[in-house]
Amino acid sequence: MKVQIDSGRCQGHGRCYDLVPDLFGEDDEGYGTVLGDGDGDGVVPSGKEHDALLAASNCPERAINVLKEA
């Protein structure tokens, strides 16, 4: 599973990084960024899938895309 943030939709509410700070962070202006497994590619570590879905469902702008890999 991977997560991405649509920077055009993100308004900087911060719910993603408040809820799941080990998957999401904030940039210098307070907009969400993806941390993922640490290398910035958005891969959700094993066992954190529920957290990624929680963050996505709590984003007011629906700016978080969850990509389920086959």
C-alpha atoms as a PDB file:
ATOM      1  CA  MET A   1       0.000   0.000   0.000  1.00  0.00           C
ATOM      2  CA  LYS A   2       1.150   3.523  -0.785  1.00  0.00           C
ATOM      3  CA  VAL A   3      -0.146   6.959   0.145  1.00  0.00           C
ATOM      4  CA  GLN A   4       0.142  10.229  -1.731  1.00  0.00           C
ATOM      5  CA  ILE A   5      -0.998  13.748  -0.906  1.00  0.00           C
ATOM      6  CA  ASP A   6      -2.510  15.839  -3.687  1.00  0.00           C
ATOM      7  CA  SER A   7      -0.775  19.156  -3.004  1.00  0.00           C
ATOM      8  CA  GLY A   8      -3.385  20.991  -5.066  1.00  0.00           C
ATOM      9  CA  ARG A   9      -6.135  19.857  -2.716  1.00  0.00           C
ATOM     10  CA  CYS A  10      -4.345  19.972   0.650  1.00  0.00           C
ATOM     11  CA  GLN A  11      -5.327  23.028   2.692  1.00  0.00           C
ATOM     12  CA  GLY A  12      -3.011  22.386   5.635  1.00  0.00           C
ATOM     13  CA  HIS A  13      -5.540  21.323   8.256  1.00  0.00           C
ATOM     14  CA  GLY A  14      -2.949  18.901   9.632  1.00  0.00           C
ATOM     15  CA  ARG A  15      -5.274  16.058  10.509  1.00  0.00           C
ATOM     16  CA  CYS A  16      -3.048  13.531   8.732  1.00  0.00           C
ATOM     17  CA  TYR A  17       0.079  14.322  10.719  1.00  0.00           C
ATOM     18  CA  ASP A  18      -1.855  14.841  13.945  1.00  0.00           C
ATOM     19  CA  LEU A  19      -3.443  11.388  13.628  1.00  0.00           C
ATOM     20  CA  VAL A  20      -0.511   9.463  12.140  1.00  0.00           C
ATOM     21  CA  PRO A  21       2.751  11.353  12.722  1.00  0.00           C
ATOM     22  CA  ASP A  22       4.880   8.379  11.746  1.00  0.00           C
ATOM     23  CA  LEU A  23       3.367   8.332   8.208  1.00  0.00           C
ATOM     24  CA  PHE A  24       2.756  12.039   7.609  1.00  0.00           C
ATOM     25  CA  GLY A  25       4.598  15.229   8.411  1.00  0.00           C
ATOM     26  CA  GLU A  26       4.281  18.896   7.584  1.00  0.00           C
ATOM     27  CA  ASP A  27       6.268  21.184   5.349  1.00  0.00           C
ATOM     28  CA  ASP A  28       7.453  24.690   6.261  1.00  0.00           C
ATOM     29  CA  GLU A  29       4.017  26.126   5.518  1.00  0.00           C
ATOM     30  CA  GLY A  30       2.026  23.500   7.454  1.00  0.00           C
ATOM     31  CA  TYR A  31       0.883  21.430   4.484  1.00  0.00           C
ATOM     32  CA  GLY A  32       0.921  17.647   4.757  1.00  0.00           C
ATOM     33  CA  THR A  33       3.799  15.583   3.436  1.00  0.00           C
ATOM     34  CA  VAL A  34       4.208  11.846   3.139  1.00  0.00           C
ATOM     35  CA  LEU A  35       6.867  10.175   5.247  1.00  0.00           C
ATOM     36  CA  GLY A  36       5.858   6.583   4.569  1.00  0.00           C
ATOM     37  CA  ASP A  37       8.564   4.093   5.411  1.00  0.00           C
ATOM     38  CA  GLY A  38      11.162   6.828   5.710  1.00  0.00           C
ATOM     39  CA  ASP A  39      12.441   7.241   2.167  1.00  0.00           C
ATOM     40  CA  GLY A  40       9.617   9.464   0.948  1.00  0.00           C
ATOM     41  CA  ASP A  41       8.152   7.022  -1.559  1.00  0.00           C
ATOM     42  CA  GLY A  42       4.881   6.735   0.352  1.00  0.00           C
ATOM     43  CA  VAL A  43       5.097   3.013   1.071  1.00  0.00           C
ATOM     44  CA  VAL A  44       3.046   2.254   4.168  1.00  0.00           C
ATOM     45  CA  PRO A  45       4.951  -0.015   6.548  1.00  0.00           C
ATOM     46  CA  SER A  46       3.388  -3.356   7.393  1.00  0.00           C
ATOM     47  CA  GLY A  47       0.877  -3.004  10.179  1.00  0.00           C
ATOM     48  CA  LYS A  48       0.184   0.696   9.467  1.00  0.00           C
ATOM     49  CA  GLU A  49      -2.442   0.193   6.747  1.00  0.00           C
ATOM     50  CA  HIS A  50      -5.319   1.009   9.096  1.00  0.00           C
ATOM     51  CA  ASP A  51      -3.566   4.232  10.140  1.00  0.00           C
ATOM     52  CA  ALA A  52      -3.139   5.287   6.502  1.00  0.00           C
ATOM     53  CA  LEU A  53      -6.828   4.685   5.830  1.00  0.00           C
ATOM     54  CA  LEU A  54      -7.763   6.578   9.008  1.00  0.00           C
ATOM     55  CA  ALA A  55      -5.765   9.610   7.909  1.00  0.00           C
ATOM     56  CA  ALA A  56      -7.275   9.507   4.412  1.00  0.00           C
ATOM     57  CA  SER A  57     -10.817   9.303   5.758  1.00  0.00           C
ATOM     58  CA  ASN A  58     -10.207  12.254   8.094  1.00  0.00           C
ATOM     59  CA  CYS A  59      -8.856  14.619   5.439  1.00  0.00           C
ATOM     60  CA  PRO A  60     -11.506  17.310   4.837  1.00  0.00           C
ATOM     61  CA  GLU A  61     -10.354  17.872   1.244  1.00  0.00           C
ATOM     62  CA  ARG A  62      -9.823  14.177   0.472  1.00  0.00           C
ATOM     63  CA  ALA A  63      -6.281  15.078  -0.532  1.00  0.00           C
ATOM     64  CA  ILE A  64      -4.803  11.744   0.585  1.00  0.00           C
ATOM     65  CA  ASN A  65      -4.809   9.019  -2.037  1.00  0.00           C
ATOM     66  CA  VAL A  66      -4.397   5.423  -0.890  1.00  0.00           C
ATOM     67  CA  LEU A  67      -3.020   3.122  -3.564  1.00  0.00           C
ATOM     68  CA  LYS A  68      -3.515  -0.547  -2.890  1.00  0.00           C
ATOM     69  CA  GLU A  69      -0.902  -2.568  -4.714  1.00  0.00           C
ATOM     70  CA  ALA A  70      -1.719  -5.983  -6.153  1.00  0.00           C
END
